[in-house]
Structure formats: C-alpha cells, structure tokens
C-alpha atoms as a PDB file:
ATOM      1  CA  UNK A   1      17.285  21.017 108.230  1.00  0.00           C
ATOM      2  CA  UNK A   2      17.366  18.493 105.545  1.00  0.00           C
ATOM      3  CA  UNK A   3      13.558  18.521 105.033  1.00  0.00           C
ATOM      4  CA  UNK A   4      13.441  22.289 104.849  1.00  0.00           C
ATOM      5  CA  UNK A   5      16.165  22.192 102.221  1.00  0.00           C
ATOM      6  CA  UNK A   6      14.260  19.591 100.183  1.00  0.00           C
ATOM      7  CA  UNK A   7      11.008  21.514 100.372  1.00  0.00           C
ATOM      8  CA  UNK A   8      12.659  24.706  99.323  1.00  0.00           C
ATOM      9  CA  UNK A   9      14.179  22.918  96.349  1.00  0.00           C
ATOM     10  CA  UNK A  10      10.826  21.528  95.440  1.00  0.00           C
ATOM     11  CA  UNK A  11       9.335  24.961  95.602  1.00  0.00           C
ATOM     12  CA  UNK A  12      12.082  26.263  93.427  1.00  0.00           C
ATOM     13  CA  UNK A  13      11.485  23.434  91.012  1.00  0.00           C
ATOM     14  CA  UNK A  14       7.751  24.060  91.008  1.00  0.00           C
ATOM     15  CA  UNK A  15       8.310  27.748  90.569  1.00  0.00           C
ATOM     16  CA  UNK A  16      10.577  27.086  87.674  1.00  0.00           C
ATOM     17  CA  UNK A  17       8.088  24.616  86.238  1.00  0.00           C
ATOM     18  CA  UNK A  18       5.327  27.176  86.651  1.00  0.00           C
ATOM     19  CA  UNK A  19       7.400  29.828  84.979  1.00  0.00           C
ATOM     20  CA  UNK A  20       8.309  27.406  82.218  1.00  0.00           C
ATOM     21  CA  UNK A  21       4.721  26.366  81.887  1.00  0.00           C
ATOM     22  CA  UNK A  22       3.601  29.996  81.832  1.00  0.00           C
ATOM     23  CA  UNK A  23       6.154  30.861  79.216  1.00  0.00           C
ATOM     24  CA  UNK A  24       5.112  27.794  77.266  1.00  0.00           C
ATOM     25  CA  UNK A  25       1.443  28.708  77.607  1.00  0.00           C
ATOM     26  CA  UNK A  26       2.215  32.234  76.532  1.00  0.00           C
ATOM     27  CA  UNK A  27       4.147  30.859  73.587  1.00  0.00           C
ATOM     28  CA  UNK A  28       1.299  28.518  72.712  1.00  0.00           C
ATOM     29  CA  UNK A  29      -1.196  31.362  73.129  1.00  0.00           C
ATOM     30  CA  UNK A  30       0.880  33.446  70.742  1.00  0.00           C
ATOM     31  CA  UNK A  31       1.015  30.521  68.350  1.00  0.00           C
ATOM     32  CA  UNK A  32      -2.747  30.088  68.661  1.00  0.00           C
ATOM     33  CA  UNK A  33      -3.224  33.795  67.964  1.00  0.00           C
ATOM     34  CA  UNK A  34      -1.010  33.469  64.942  1.00  0.00           C
ATOM     35  CA  UNK A  35      -2.912  30.338  63.872  1.00  0.00           C
ATOM     36  CA  UNK A  36      -6.177  32.221  64.366  1.00  0.00           C
ATOM     37  CA  UNK A  37      -4.887  35.085  62.258  1.00  0.00           C
ATOM     38  CA  UNK A  38      -3.741  32.553  59.701  1.00  0.00           C
ATOM     39  CA  UNK A  39      -7.181  30.949  59.731  1.00  0.00           C
ATOM     40  CA  UNK A  40      -8.777  34.368  59.293  1.00  0.00           C
ATOM     41  CA  UNK A  41      -6.495  35.181  56.399  1.00  0.00           C
ATOM     42  CA  UNK A  42      -7.192  31.749  55.022  1.00  0.00           C
ATOM     43  CA  UNK A  43     -10.910  32.359  55.254  1.00  0.00           C
ATOM     44  CA  UNK A  44     -10.519  35.689  53.535  1.00  0.00           C
ATOM     45  CA  UNK A  45      -8.439  34.039  50.828  1.00  0.00           C
ATOM     46  CA  UNK A  46     -11.054  31.318  50.538  1.00  0.00           C
ATOM     47  CA  UNK A  47     -13.791  33.971  50.248  1.00  0.00           C
ATOM     48  CA  UNK A  48     -11.773  35.837  47.634  1.00  0.00           C
ATOM     49  CA  UNK A  49     -11.111  32.549  45.898  1.00  0.00           C
ATOM     50  CA  UNK A  50     -14.817  31.808  45.928  1.00  0.00           C
ATOM     51  CA  UNK A  51     -15.533  35.256  44.486  1.00  0.00           C
ATOM     52  CA  UNK A  52     -12.869  34.734  41.823  1.00  0.00           C
ATOM     53  CA  UNK A  53     -14.227  31.252  41.179  1.00  0.00           C
ATOM     54  CA  UNK A  54     -17.734  32.703  40.791  1.00  0.00           C
ATOM     55  CA  UNK A  55     -16.405  35.349  38.405  1.00  0.00           C
ATOM     56  CA  UNK A  56     -14.444  32.635  36.614  1.00  0.00           C
ATOM     57  CA  UNK A  57     -17.597  30.553  36.339  1.00  0.00           C
ATOM     58  CA  UNK A  58     -19.534  33.575  35.041  1.00  0.00           C
ATOM     59  CA  UNK A  59     -16.786  34.352  32.524  1.00  0.00           C
ATOM     60  CA  UNK A  60     -16.646  30.693  31.553  1.00  0.00           C
ATOM     61  CA  UNK A  61     -20.411  30.667  31.059  1.00  0.00           C
ATOM     62  CA  UNK A  62     -20.232  33.890  28.999  1.00  0.00           C
ATOM     63  CA  UNK A  63     -17.297  32.552  27.000  1.00  0.00           C
ATOM     64  CA  UNK A  64     -19.201  29.310  26.476  1.00  0.00           C
ATOM     65  CA  UNK A  65     -22.255  31.299  25.300  1.00  0.00           C
ATOM     66  CA  UNK A  66     -20.079  33.459  23.033  1.00  0.00           C
ATOM     67  CA  UNK A  67     -18.423  30.359  21.651  1.00  0.00           C
ATOM     68  CA  UNK A  68     -21.827  28.764  21.096  1.00  0.00           C
ATOM     69  CA  UNK A  69     -23.087  31.892  19.312  1.00  0.00           C
ATOM     70  CA  UNK A  70     -19.892  32.095  17.301  1.00  0.00           C
ATOM     71  CA  UNK A  71     -20.196  28.453  16.354  1.00  0.00           C
ATOM     72  CA  UNK A  72     -23.839  29.020  15.440  1.00  0.00           C
ATOM     73  CA  UNK A  73     -22.895  32.031  13.302  1.00  0.00           C
ATOM     74  CA  UNK A  74     -20.088  30.048  11.697  1.00  0.00           C
ATOM     75  CA  UNK A  75     -22.512  27.223  11.010  1.00  0.00           C
ATOM     76  CA  UNK A  76     -24.937  29.717   9.409  1.00  0.00           C
ATOM     77  CA  UNK A  77     -22.133  31.151   7.301  1.00  0.00           C
ATOM     78  CA  UNK A  78     -21.014  27.675   6.305  1.00  0.00           C
ATOM     79  CA  UNK A  79     -24.602  26.810   5.427  1.00  0.00           C
ATOM     80  CA  UNK A  80     -24.894  29.934   3.265  1.00  0.00           C
ATOM     81  CA  UNK A  81     -21.540  29.174   1.668  1.00  0.00           C
ATOM     82  CA  UNK A  82     -22.713  25.663   0.983  1.00  0.00           C
ATOM     83  CA  UNK A  83     -25.905  27.025  -0.621  1.00  0.00           C
ATOM     84  CA  UNK A  84     -23.868  29.520  -2.637  1.00  0.00           C
ATOM     85  CA  UNK A  85     -21.528  26.782  -3.800  1.00  0.00           C
ATOM     86  CA  UNK A  86     -24.540  24.708  -4.826  1.00  0.00           C
ATOM     87  CA  UNK A  87     -26.068  27.628  -6.740  1.00  0.00           C
ATOM     88  CA  UNK A  88     -22.705  28.343  -8.348  1.00  0.00           C
ATOM     89  CA  UNK A  89     -22.456  24.724  -9.454  1.00  0.00           C
ATOM     90  CA  UNK A  90     -25.951  24.939 -10.924  1.00  0.00           C
ATOM     91  CA  UNK A  91     -25.113  28.205 -12.711  1.00  0.00           C
ATOM     92  CA  UNK A  92     -21.905  26.690 -14.053  1.00  0.00           C
ATOM     93  CA  UNK A  93     -23.860  23.694 -15.286  1.00  0.00           C
ATOM     94  CA  UNK A  94     -26.438  25.951 -16.950  1.00  0.00           C
ATOM     95  CA  UNK A  95     -23.663  28.096 -18.423  1.00  0.00           C
ATOM     96  CA  UNK A  96     -21.964  25.028 -19.795  1.00  0.00           C
ATOM     97  CA  UNK A  97     -25.254  23.877 -21.312  1.00  0.00           C
ATOM     98  CA  UNK A  98     -25.890  27.303 -22.861  1.00  0.00           C
ATOM     99  CA  UNK A  99     -22.326  27.440 -24.161  1.00  0.00           C
ATOM    100  CA  UNK A 100     -22.783  24.038 -25.756  1.00  0.00           C
ATOM    101  CA  UNK A 101     -26.062  25.154 -27.345  1.00  0.00           C
ATOM    102  CA  UNK A 102     -24.551  28.426 -28.560  1.00  0.00           C
ATOM    103  CA  UNK A 103     -21.569  26.570 -29.955  1.00  0.00           C
ATOM    104  CA  UNK A 104     -23.907  24.252 -31.810  1.00  0.00           C
ATOM    105  CA  UNK A 105     -25.945  27.169 -33.118  1.00  0.00           C
ATOM    106  CA  UNK A 106     -22.793  29.017 -34.192  1.00  0.00           C
ATOM    107  CA  UNK A 107     -21.524  25.931 -35.978  1.00  0.00           C
ATOM    108  CA  UNK A 108     -24.892  25.496 -37.704  1.00  0.00           C
ATOM    109  CA  UNK A 109     -24.962  29.216 -38.540  1.00  0.00           C
ATOM    110  CA  UNK A 110     -21.461  29.064 -40.006  1.00  0.00           C
ATOM    111  CA  UNK A 111     -22.504  26.061 -42.047  1.00  0.00           C
ATOM    112  CA  UNK A 112     -25.581  27.945 -43.306  1.00  0.00           C
ATOM    113  CA  UNK A 113     -23.457  31.014 -44.058  1.00  0.00           C
ATOM    114  CA  UNK A 114     -21.083  28.793 -45.984  1.00  0.00           C
ATOM    115  CA  UNK A 115     -24.017  27.372 -47.934  1.00  0.00           C
ATOM    116  CA  UNK A 116     -25.348  30.888 -48.612  1.00  0.00           C
ATOM    117  CA  UNK A 117     -21.921  32.054 -49.758  1.00  0.00           C
ATOM    118  CA  UNK A 118     -21.694  29.072 -52.040  1.00  0.00           C
ATOM    119  CA  UNK A 119     -25.166  29.777 -53.426  1.00  0.00           C
ATOM    120  CA  UNK A 120     -24.332  33.469 -53.831  1.00  0.00           C
ATOM    121  CA  UNK A 121     -21.138  32.554 -55.639  1.00  0.00           C
ATOM    122  CA  UNK A 122     -23.075  30.231 -57.934  1.00  0.00           C
ATOM    123  CA  UNK A 123     -25.722  32.924 -58.542  1.00  0.00           C
ATOM    124  CA  UNK A 124     -23.086  35.575 -59.274  1.00  0.00           C
ATOM    125  CA  UNK A 125     -21.413  33.185 -61.693  1.00  0.00           C
ATOM    126  CA  UNK A 126     -24.739  32.675 -63.456  1.00  0.00           C
ATOM    127  CA  UNK A 127     -25.426  36.434 -63.542  1.00  0.00           C
ATOM    128  CA  UNK A 128     -21.945  37.106 -64.906  1.00  0.00           C
ATOM    129  CA  UNK A 129     -22.437  34.415 -67.522  1.00  0.00           C
ATOM    130  CA  UNK A 130     -25.819  35.927 -68.511  1.00  0.00           C
ATOM    131  CA  UNK A 131     -24.306  39.452 -68.688  1.00  0.00           C
ATOM    132  CA  UNK A 132     -21.458  38.238 -70.864  1.00  0.00           C
ATOM    133  CA  UNK A 133     -23.889  36.360 -73.089  1.00  0.00           C
ATOM    134  CA  UNK A 134     -26.140  39.453 -73.322  1.00  0.00           C
ATOM    135  CA  UNK A 135     -23.166  41.657 -74.148  1.00  0.00           C
ATOM    136  CA  UNK A 136     -22.112  39.250 -76.883  1.00  0.00           C
ATOM    137  CA  UNK A 137     -25.652  39.194 -78.250  1.00  0.00           C
ATOM    138  CA  UNK A 138     -25.769  43.022 -78.272  1.00  0.00           C
ATOM    139  CA  UNK A 139     -22.435  43.154 -80.072  1.00  0.00           C
ATOM    140  CA  UNK A 140     -23.661  40.593 -82.590  1.00  0.00           C
ATOM    141  CA  UNK A 141     -26.929  42.525 -83.061  1.00  0.00           C
ATOM    142  CA  UNK A 142     -25.026  45.776 -83.488  1.00  0.00           C
ATOM    143  CA  UNK A 143     -22.761  44.151 -86.040  1.00  0.00           C
ATOM    144  CA  UNK A 144     -25.731  42.749 -87.943  1.00  0.00           C
ATOM    145  CA  UNK A 145     -27.644  46.068 -88.089  1.00  0.00           C
ATOM    146  CA  UNK A 146     -27.371  48.136 -91.270  1.00  0.00           C
ATOM    147  CA  UNK A 147     -25.360  51.318 -90.966  1.00  0.00           C
ATOM    148  CA  UNK A 148     -28.309  53.611 -91.740  1.00  0.00           C
ATOM    149  CA  UNK A 149     -30.513  51.883 -89.108  1.00  0.00           C
ATOM    150  CA  UNK A 150     -27.738  52.161 -86.496  1.00  0.00           C
ATOM    151  CA  UNK A 151     -27.366  55.873 -87.263  1.00  0.00           C
ATOM    152  CA  UNK A 152     -31.131  56.402 -86.983  1.00  0.00           C
ATOM    153  CA  UNK A 153     -31.222  54.740 -83.556  1.00  0.00           C
ATOM    154  CA  UNK A 154     -28.422  56.832 -82.125  1.00  0.00           C
ATOM    155  CA  UNK A 155     -29.220  60.124 -83.889  1.00  0.00           C
ATOM    156  CA  UNK A 156     -33.018  60.230 -83.405  1.00  0.00           C
ATOM    157  CA  UNK A 157     -34.098  63.677 -82.094  1.00  0.00           C
ATOM    158  CA  UNK A 158     -36.632  64.358 -79.346  1.00  0.00           C
ATOM    159  CA  UNK A 159     -39.956  65.917 -80.420  1.00  0.00           C
ATOM    160  CA  UNK A 160     -40.903  69.323 -78.991  1.00  0.00           C
ATOM    161  CA  UNK A 161     -44.414  70.751 -78.992  1.00  0.00           C
ATOM    162  CA  UNK A 162     -44.025  74.437 -78.220  1.00  0.00           C
ATOM    163  CA  UNK A 163     -46.422  76.702 -76.325  1.00  0.00           C
ATOM    164  CA  UNK A 164     -48.487  77.559 -79.419  1.00  0.00           C
ATOM    165  CA  UNK A 165     -48.844  73.946 -80.598  1.00  0.00           C
ATOM    166  CA  UNK A 166     -46.055  73.698 -83.169  1.00  0.00           C
ATOM    167  CA  UNK A 167     -44.307  70.333 -83.299  1.00  0.00           C
ATOM    168  CA  UNK A 168     -40.682  70.151 -84.369  1.00  0.00           C
ATOM    169  CA  UNK A 169     -37.748  67.745 -83.900  1.00  0.00           C
ATOM    170  CA  UNK A 170     -34.787  68.860 -81.822  1.00  0.00           C
ATOM    171  CA  UNK A 171     -31.546  67.220 -82.926  1.00  0.00           C
ATOM    172  CA  UNK A 172     -29.215  66.721 -79.978  1.00  0.00           C
ATOM    173  CA  UNK A 173     -26.218  66.661 -82.289  1.00  0.00           C
ATOM    174  CA  UNK A 174     -26.810  70.303 -83.305  1.00  0.00           C
ATOM    175  CA  UNK A 175     -28.423  71.764 -80.169  1.00  0.00           C
ATOM    176  CA  UNK A 176     -25.955  70.723 -77.486  1.00  0.00           C
ATOM    177  CA  UNK A 177     -26.758  73.009 -74.532  1.00  0.00           C
ATOM    178  CA  UNK A 178     -29.566  74.776 -72.706  1.00  0.00           C
ATOM    179  CA  UNK A 179     -28.274  78.107 -74.018  1.00  0.00           C
ATOM    180  CA  UNK A 180     -28.541  76.839 -77.606  1.00  0.00           C
ATOM    181  CA  UNK A 181     -32.135  75.729 -76.975  1.00  0.00           C
ATOM    182  CA  UNK A 182     -32.908  79.170 -75.505  1.00  0.00           C
ATOM    183  CA  UNK A 183     -31.565  80.828 -78.648  1.00  0.00           C
ATOM    184  CA  UNK A 184     -33.531  78.515 -80.984  1.00  0.00           C
ATOM    185  CA  UNK A 185     -36.811  79.046 -79.097  1.00  0.00           C
ATOM    186  CA  UNK A 186     -36.296  82.813 -78.929  1.00  0.00           C
ATOM    187  CA  UNK A 187     -35.663  82.839 -82.695  1.00  0.00           C
ATOM    188  CA  UNK A 188     -38.744  80.709 -83.451  1.00  0.00           C
ATOM    189  CA  UNK A 189     -41.031  82.987 -81.331  1.00  0.00           C
ATOM    190  CA  UNK A 190     -39.876  86.301 -82.838  1.00  0.00           C
ATOM    191  CA  UNK A 191     -42.870  88.291 -83.993  1.00  0.00           C
ATOM    192  CA  UNK A 192     -45.271  85.771 -82.418  1.00  0.00           C
ATOM    193  CA  UNK A 193     -47.379  85.683 -79.301  1.00  0.00           C
ATOM    194  CA  UNK A 194     -45.329  84.718 -76.249  1.00  0.00           C
ATOM    195  CA  UNK A 195     -42.013  86.050 -77.540  1.00  0.00           C
ATOM    196  CA  UNK A 196     -41.499  88.208 -74.416  1.00  0.00           C
ATOM    197  CA  UNK A 197     -42.076  85.215 -72.147  1.00  0.00           C
ATOM    198  CA  UNK A 198     -39.632  83.052 -74.082  1.00  0.00           C
ATOM    199  CA  UNK A 199     -37.050  85.830 -74.168  1.00  0.00           C
ATOM    200  CA  UNK A 200     -37.342  86.374 -70.391  1.00  0.00           C
ATOM    201  CA  UNK A 201     -37.156  82.636 -69.658  1.00  0.00           C
ATOM    202  CA  UNK A 202     -40.725  82.289 -68.351  1.00  0.00           C
ATOM    203  CA  UNK A 203     -41.346  78.846 -69.839  1.00  0.00           C
ATOM    204  CA  UNK A 204     -41.011  75.246 -68.764  1.00  0.00           C
ATOM    205  CA  UNK A 205     -40.768  71.759 -70.324  1.00  0.00           C
ATOM    206  CA  UNK A 206     -42.559  68.552 -69.327  1.00  0.00           C
ATOM    207  CA  UNK A 207     -42.293  64.958 -70.474  1.00  0.00           C
ATOM    208  CA  UNK A 208     -45.461  64.203 -72.450  1.00  0.00           C
ATOM    209  CA  UNK A 209     -45.787  60.618 -71.195  1.00  0.00           C
ATOM    210  CA  UNK A 210     -45.283  61.174 -67.457  1.00  0.00           C
ATOM    211  CA  UNK A 211     -45.963  64.889 -66.970  1.00  0.00           C
ATOM    212  CA  UNK A 212     -42.602  65.105 -65.221  1.00  0.00           C
ATOM    213  CA  UNK A 213     -40.972  68.519 -65.360  1.00  0.00           C
ATOM    214  CA  UNK A 214     -37.588  68.621 -67.046  1.00  0.00           C
ATOM    215  CA  UNK A 215     -35.444  70.849 -64.859  1.00  0.00           C
ATOM    216  CA  UNK A 216     -32.727  73.089 -66.215  1.00  0.00           C
ATOM    217  CA  UNK A 217     -30.573  71.938 -63.291  1.00  0.00           C
ATOM    218  CA  UNK A 218     -29.961  68.701 -65.170  1.00  0.00           C
ATOM    219  CA  UNK A 219     -26.972  68.327 -67.427  1.00  0.00           C
ATOM    220  CA  UNK A 220     -27.994  68.771 -71.047  1.00  0.00           C
ATOM    221  CA  UNK A 221     -26.623  65.357 -72.018  1.00  0.00           C
ATOM    222  CA  UNK A 222     -28.924  63.607 -69.534  1.00  0.00           C
ATOM    223  CA  UNK A 223     -32.006  65.804 -69.791  1.00  0.00           C
ATOM    224  CA  UNK A 224     -33.534  64.306 -72.984  1.00  0.00           C
ATOM    225  CA  UNK A 225     -33.755  60.909 -74.672  1.00  0.00           C
ATOM    226  CA  UNK A 226     -33.881  60.148 -78.402  1.00  0.00           C
ATOM    227  CA  UNK A 227     -37.508  59.907 -79.536  1.00  0.00           C
ATOM    228  CA  UNK A 228     -38.842  61.534 -76.373  1.00  0.00           C
ATOM    229  CA  UNK A 229     -41.902  63.784 -76.736  1.00  0.00           C
ATOM    230  CA  UNK A 230     -41.645  67.053 -74.769  1.00  0.00           C
ATOM    231  CA  UNK A 231     -44.290  69.717 -74.169  1.00  0.00           C
ATOM    232  CA  UNK A 232     -43.504  73.415 -73.710  1.00  0.00           C
ATOM    233  CA  UNK A 233     -45.604  75.784 -71.587  1.00  0.00           C
ATOM    234  CA  UNK A 234     -45.347  79.525 -70.971  1.00  0.00           C
ATOM    235  CA  UNK A 235     -45.599  80.763 -67.390  1.00  0.00           C
ATOM    236  CA  UNK A 236     -48.013  83.591 -66.602  1.00  0.00           C
ATOM    237  CA  UNK A 237     -48.967  85.344 -63.388  1.00  0.00           C
ATOM    238  CA  UNK A 238     -52.635  85.115 -62.544  1.00  0.00           C
ATOM    239  CA  UNK A 239     -54.314  87.252 -59.929  1.00  0.00           C
ATOM    240  CA  UNK A 240     -56.520  85.291 -57.531  1.00  0.00           C
ATOM    241  CA  UNK A 241     -59.253  87.222 -55.724  1.00  0.00           C
ATOM    242  CA  UNK A 242     -61.205  86.699 -52.508  1.00  0.00           C
ATOM    243  CA  UNK A 243     -64.456  88.292 -51.431  1.00  0.00           C
ATOM    244  CA  UNK A 244     -64.191  91.088 -48.891  1.00  0.00           C
ATOM    245  CA  UNK A 245     -65.930  90.553 -45.539  1.00  0.00           C
ATOM    246  CA  UNK A 246     -67.841  93.831 -45.618  1.00  0.00           C
ATOM    247  CA  UNK A 247     -68.838  94.003 -49.311  1.00  0.00           C
ATOM    248  CA  UNK A 248     -69.186  91.909 -52.437  1.00  0.00           C
ATOM    249  CA  UNK A 249     -66.065  93.484 -53.933  1.00  0.00           C
ATOM    250  CA  UNK A 250     -63.169  91.191 -54.797  1.00  0.00           C
ATOM    251  CA  UNK A 251     -59.607  91.942 -53.665  1.00  0.00           C
ATOM    252  CA  UNK A 252     -56.348  90.470 -54.983  1.00  0.00           C
ATOM    253  CA  UNK A 253     -55.078  87.498 -52.974  1.00  0.00           C
ATOM    254  CA  UNK A 254     -51.715  86.572 -54.510  1.00  0.00           C
ATOM    255  CA  UNK A 255     -49.835  86.345 -57.749  1.00  0.00           C
ATOM    256  CA  UNK A 256     -49.016  82.853 -58.972  1.00  0.00           C
ATOM    257  CA  UNK A 257     -47.285  81.508 -62.066  1.00  0.00           C
ATOM    258  CA  UNK A 258     -49.532  79.234 -64.151  1.00  0.00           C
ATOM    259  CA  UNK A 259     -49.721  77.468 -67.485  1.00  0.00           C
ATOM    260  CA  UNK A 260     -51.885  79.522 -69.941  1.00  0.00           C
ATOM    261  CA  UNK A 261     -53.474  76.396 -71.423  1.00  0.00           C
ATOM    262  CA  UNK A 262     -54.416  74.336 -68.318  1.00  0.00           C
ATOM    263  CA  UNK A 263     -54.015  77.017 -65.589  1.00  0.00           C
ATOM    264  CA  UNK A 264     -51.938  74.624 -63.449  1.00  0.00           C
ATOM    265  CA  UNK A 265     -49.879  76.258 -60.713  1.00  0.00           C
ATOM    266  CA  UNK A 266     -46.159  76.356 -61.530  1.00  0.00           C
ATOM    267  CA  UNK A 267     -44.900  78.940 -59.032  1.00  0.00           C
ATOM    268  CA  UNK A 268     -42.816  76.309 -57.246  1.00  0.00           C
ATOM    269  CA  UNK A 269     -40.916  74.788 -60.140  1.00  0.00           C
ATOM    270  CA  UNK A 270     -39.399  71.503 -59.018  1.00  0.00           C
ATOM    271  CA  UNK A 271     -38.233  68.358 -60.771  1.00  0.00           C
ATOM    272  CA  UNK A 272     -41.135  66.180 -59.565  1.00  0.00           C
ATOM    273  CA  UNK A 273     -43.980  64.278 -61.163  1.00  0.00           C
ATOM    274  CA  UNK A 274     -46.827  66.732 -61.860  1.00  0.00           C
ATOM    275  CA  UNK A 275     -50.064  66.082 -63.721  1.00  0.00           C
ATOM    276  CA  UNK A 276     -50.568  68.978 -66.123  1.00  0.00           C
END
C-alpha cells in the first residue's frame, strides 16, 4: 500500500513537472517568437538604417561636391576681386601721376599767364605813354601852326568833277546835306545836257583814287573828306540785244543802267569797290 502511494505521488510529481515544463517551454517558445519578431524588426530597422545611411552618404557626397564648387566659385571671385583691386591700385597710381603732372602744368601755365599779364601791362603802359606823347606833340603842333594854315587844313573842300567834265570845289561848310548837293547840281545842269538825269536823281559819285562808290546811305558828315577828288557819272539805260535763233535779227535782252562815258554796269548800285 505504501509503494502504490509513493508511485502515485511520483506520477503526480512527474505530471506536475511535465505540465510545468510544458508551460515553461510554451513560455520560452513565446519568448523565442517574440525574440524572432524583434530580430526581424531589428533587421528591418537595420535595412532602413542602411538605406538612410546610404542616402546620408549620397547627400554628404553631394553637399561635399556643392561645398567644393562653392569654394571654387568663391576662390574665383576672390581671385577676380584681387585682380580688380590690383588694377584699381594701378589706376589710382596712374591717376595720382597724371594729377601731379596736371598740377605741375597748371602751375607752369599760371606762371606763364602771370608773365604774359605782366608783359601786357608793360606794353599797355608803353602804348599809353606813346599815345600821351603823340597827343602832346599834336597839341604842340596845332599851337605852333599859323591861324590861316589851320583854317585851310580844316576847311579844305572836296573836288568834284561832274558828268560833263567840269571841276569845281564843294565846300562842306556851305553844302551840309545830300539835299543841298542835289539842289546845287540841279542848278548847275540847268539848260545843259543831262539836266533831266540830274533832276531825276539818275547819277552816282565815285572816289577818284579807289573807284569806290559813295553811297547816299552814308551820313553826309562822313561821306566826304577834305581834299578828296570825286567823280560824277550819269546813269543811262542801254538796250542789250541777242541774235534770234531763226534769223539774223537782233532782239532786246534787258535794260541796264550804265555810265555814259565808260559803259560800266551800274544797275546794282552798292557801296563796294568798283573799277570804273
């Protein structure tokens, strides 16, 4: 009875141990499954980490390349800036040199201008001295001249040769205007050839020495000089002819005013030098 009881207890113990072992094995199997899942997750994380690491390496390589390019560009810019600074220094040096030269030239020019001003001042002083001395000499000469000689110098008439060859003096003290000269000439030509031309104003005057026409547009006071010789000419219209193309007949071309003695054209009367 005792042996049966012991064997039954042992069986119970073994059964319990088996159950405990089974439970333990099941627990360990569950733990192993969990560990396996954990390993799988770990592997996935490792794979993802490797992918991220690869991307990180690629980004790092790209960033390194970008940094290298940026540094290279910065170095190029710095090199250009260095060259520009060098050129600027050279230009500043050249500018300074040119400024120094220009300053020297300006100083020399101012000195020359000062010398010229001094010379001009000296020359003007000499000219003024000569003018004063000349004026004094003229006053002394005027004082020393006899009264009758002084009157003859200032009252000498100009000499007029009229259109018909008469020579007569014209006293500026008595004939004091162009209208007075017109009246005198009209009076002297009354009853003579050319009176109509003189009366109608178809005449002109020229300086005998230069042939220069004396225009009526001048003021009377400045038109003549004492002792001047003046020639008078009447103005006539002459009819120029040209041969016709279909016959030997001559046809009038134009009417022009001309001097009756030399036939010089005077249709365009101007105050200019003309050889009569």
